[in-house]
Protein backbone atom coordinates (compact mmCIF):
# COMPACT_ATOMS: atom_id res chain seq x y z
CA MET A 1 87.00 104.80 105.35
CA ARG A 2 89.56 106.64 103.20
CA LEU A 3 89.53 103.78 100.68
CA LEU A 4 85.75 103.89 100.46
CA PHE A 5 85.73 107.66 100.06
CA GLY A 6 88.54 107.48 97.46
CA ALA A 7 86.69 104.85 95.49
CA LEU A 8 83.56 106.98 95.51
CA LEU A 9 85.54 109.92 94.16
CA LEU A 10 86.49 107.78 91.16
CA LEU A 11 82.85 107.24 90.18
CA PRO A 12 82.85 110.06 87.59
CA ILE A 13 86.00 108.63 85.99
CA PHE A 14 84.54 105.14 85.65
CA GLY A 15 81.23 106.59 84.50
CA ALA A 16 82.98 108.54 81.73
CA HIS A 17 84.95 105.52 80.47
CA PRO A 18 83.00 102.40 81.43
CA SER A 19 84.19 98.90 80.64
CA PRO A 20 82.21 97.92 77.56
CA ALA A 21 81.83 94.33 78.76
CA ARG A 22 79.84 95.21 81.87
CA ALA A 23 79.41 98.97 81.84
CA ASP A 24 75.84 99.02 83.10
CA ASP A 25 76.38 96.54 85.94
CA VAL A 26 79.60 98.22 87.09
CA THR A 27 78.22 101.74 87.06
CA ASP A 28 74.96 100.56 88.66
CA GLN A 29 76.92 99.01 91.54
CA MET A 30 79.03 102.14 91.92
CA ASP A 31 75.92 104.31 91.91
CA GLN A 32 74.42 102.07 94.60
CA ALA A 33 77.61 102.43 96.63
CA ARG A 34 77.50 106.22 96.33
CA ALA A 35 73.85 106.33 97.38
CA ALA A 36 74.47 104.02 100.34
CA TYR A 37 77.53 106.03 101.38
CA GLN A 38 75.55 109.26 101.31
CA LYS A 39 73.01 107.60 103.63
CA HIS A 40 75.89 106.46 105.90
CA ASP A 41 75.02 102.84 105.12
CA LEU A 42 78.63 101.70 105.02
CA PRO A 43 78.07 97.91 104.82
CA THR A 44 75.87 98.33 101.74
CA ALA A 45 78.36 100.79 100.19
CA VAL A 46 81.24 98.37 100.73
CA ALA A 47 79.25 95.44 99.33
CA ALA A 48 78.32 97.41 96.20
CA LEU A 49 81.92 98.53 95.65
CA GLU A 50 83.15 94.95 96.07
CA ALA A 51 80.56 93.77 93.54
CA ALA A 52 81.76 96.46 91.09
CA ALA A 53 85.38 95.43 91.66
CA ASN A 54 84.49 91.77 91.03
CA LEU A 55 82.74 92.69 87.79
CA LEU A 56 85.85 94.63 86.69
CA ARG A 57 88.07 91.64 87.51
CA GLN A 58 85.78 89.40 85.46
CA ALA A 59 86.03 91.83 82.53
CA GLN A 60 89.81 91.77 82.89
CA ALA A 61 89.79 87.95 82.84
CA ASP A 62 87.65 88.01 79.70
CA ALA A 63 90.18 90.32 78.01
CA LEU A 64 93.02 87.98 78.98
CA LYS A 65 91.31 85.04 77.26
CA ALA A 66 92.03 86.67 73.89
CA VAL A 67 95.81 86.38 74.31
CA LEU A 68 95.80 82.59 74.76
CA PRO A 69 97.16 80.59 71.83
CA PRO A 70 94.62 79.41 69.28
CA VAL A 71 94.08 75.66 69.15
CA PRO A 72 96.70 74.28 66.73
CA SER A 73 95.71 71.93 63.95
CA GLY A 74 95.46 68.36 65.26
CA TRP A 75 95.03 69.52 68.85
CA THR A 76 91.95 69.89 71.08
CA ALA A 77 91.55 72.24 74.02
CA ASP A 78 89.52 72.41 77.19
CA GLN A 79 87.35 75.40 77.97
CA VAL A 80 89.22 78.46 79.23
CA ASP A 81 89.27 78.62 83.04
CA THR A 82 89.23 82.02 84.72
CA SER A 83 89.62 82.95 88.33
CA SER A 84 89.49 86.43 89.83
CA VAL A 85 89.76 86.93 93.54
CA ALA A 86 89.72 89.98 95.76
CA ALA A 87 92.80 91.20 97.59
CA ALA A 88 91.49 89.66 100.81
CA VAL A 89 92.01 86.16 99.34
CA LEU A 90 95.73 85.35 99.02
CA GLY A 91 96.40 88.92 97.96
CA GLY A 92 94.03 88.74 95.01
CA GLY A 93 94.71 88.46 91.32
CA THR A 94 93.36 87.13 88.07
CA THR A 95 94.28 83.81 86.45
CA VAL A 96 93.33 82.58 82.99
CA SER A 97 94.31 79.07 81.92
CA ARG A 98 93.66 76.54 79.21
CA THR A 99 94.80 72.96 78.65
CA TYR A 100 95.56 71.69 75.15
CA HIS A 101 95.69 67.97 74.15
CA LYS A 102 97.13 65.93 71.29
CA ALA A 103 97.38 62.16 71.77
CA GLU A 104 99.57 61.72 74.90
CA GLN A 105 100.78 65.32 74.87
CA GLN A 106 99.27 67.91 77.21
CA VAL A 107 100.13 71.62 77.38
CA ASP A 108 98.89 73.95 80.12
CA VAL A 109 98.99 77.71 79.48
CA GLN A 110 98.49 80.02 82.47
CA ILE A 111 98.37 83.80 82.68
CA ILE A 112 98.52 85.23 86.18
CA THR A 113 98.20 88.95 86.80
CA ASP A 114 97.77 91.46 89.62
CA SER A 115 98.82 89.09 92.38
CA PRO A 116 101.30 90.10 95.08
CA MET A 117 102.83 86.63 94.76
CA LEU A 118 104.09 87.65 91.31
CA GLN A 119 106.85 89.79 92.80
CA GLY A 120 108.51 86.74 94.31
CA MET A 121 108.05 84.72 91.15
CA ALA A 122 109.45 87.55 89.02
CA MET A 123 112.51 87.80 91.26
CA LEU A 124 113.07 84.07 90.85
CA ILE A 125 112.85 84.26 87.05
CA ASN A 126 115.57 86.91 86.89
CA SER A 127 117.72 85.56 89.72
CA PRO A 128 121.00 83.66 89.70
CA LEU A 129 119.15 81.21 91.95
CA ALA A 130 117.12 80.21 88.90
CA ALA A 131 120.27 78.94 87.18
CA ALA A 132 121.29 77.13 90.35
CA ALA A 133 117.86 75.47 90.38
CA GLY A 134 118.42 74.17 86.85
CA MET A 135 116.43 76.83 85.01
CA LYS A 136 117.94 78.24 81.86
CA THR A 137 117.36 81.62 80.27
CA VAL A 138 116.21 81.58 76.66
CA VAL A 139 115.03 84.31 74.30
CA ILE A 140 111.87 83.76 72.28
CA GLY A 141 110.56 86.51 70.05
CA GLY A 142 113.08 88.92 71.56
CA ARG A 143 111.75 88.32 75.08
CA PRO A 144 113.83 86.67 77.84
CA MET A 145 112.16 83.64 79.38
CA SER A 146 113.08 80.88 81.76
CA TYR A 147 112.88 77.23 80.86
CA ALA A 148 112.79 74.66 83.66
CA PRO A 149 113.70 71.24 82.24
CA ASN A 150 112.73 69.39 85.44
CA ASP A 151 109.26 70.99 85.29
CA ASN A 152 109.13 71.03 81.45
CA SER A 153 107.86 74.60 81.47
CA TYR A 154 108.58 78.08 80.15
CA MET A 155 107.86 81.21 82.17
CA THR A 156 108.12 84.92 81.40
CA LEU A 157 107.20 88.21 83.02
CA VAL A 158 105.14 90.65 80.95
CA GLY A 159 104.63 94.31 81.80
CA GLY A 160 106.15 93.86 85.23
CA LYS A 161 102.94 92.40 86.67
CA THR A 162 101.86 89.44 84.58
CA ILE A 163 103.40 85.98 84.43
CA VAL A 164 102.87 83.62 81.52
CA LYS A 165 103.65 79.97 82.17
CA VAL A 166 103.48 77.21 79.58
CA GLY A 167 104.07 73.70 80.87
CA GLY A 168 103.76 70.22 79.46
CA ASN A 169 103.63 66.65 80.61
CA LYS A 170 106.53 64.24 80.04
CA ALA A 171 105.18 63.25 76.62
CA THR A 172 105.36 66.87 75.41
CA PRO A 173 108.66 67.87 73.80
CA GLU A 174 110.29 71.21 74.62
CA ALA A 175 109.87 72.34 70.99
CA THR A 176 106.08 72.06 71.36
CA LEU A 177 106.15 74.19 74.50
CA HIS A 178 108.34 76.69 72.64
CA ASP A 179 105.70 76.92 69.90
CA PHE A 180 102.90 77.43 72.42
CA ILE A 181 104.61 80.22 74.36
CA ALA A 182 105.54 81.87 71.06
CA ALA A 183 101.82 81.76 70.12
CA VAL A 184 100.70 83.68 73.23
CA ASP A 185 99.84 87.23 72.13
CA LEU A 186 102.44 88.89 74.36
CA ALA A 187 102.13 92.27 72.58
CA THR A 188 98.45 92.51 73.47
CA LEU A 189 99.16 91.23 76.96
CA GLU A 190 101.78 93.98 77.37
CA LYS A 191 99.13 96.58 76.44
CA LEU A 192 96.62 95.08 78.88
CA ALA A 193 99.21 95.21 81.66
CA HIS A 194 99.47 99.00 81.41
């Protein structure tokens, strides 16, 4: 009940600064939630707030697409996959990923944000256990990252709540992965994380 009431109190804030991607749909859902709440129709209020939250997660996923590396010359890429789930499903979070191809080489770029599972992953990246597991710390563009040779992947934490992982198949050399993670727009991602 407190959460519902608190969310309804935020309506003026969201109304004053709506997400440009889905401003009308988000504010419409929030207005429906407020109206339902005032009529003591709690199931409808909760459903409308959840719809608004899902629309906001989708807008966040759309913003994350922009930080993925552009398709390098000579490469092709699959469509960008996005997934946004509510906190009730595995703690929630937003994932954006894309797979790039060149002959036998394949590179997968994933951005995972706002998931409670990130805390454990972040601790692993910065832990002495990472070195014991064969991971090595490298610095790319002034940012510390972990490289896992057995997994052929780079991973870094951005803004304390977003993980970027770039992995490749056995045909993909480490230098290619290095180039891909260096091409992720980490500065923009840092801004989006705050």
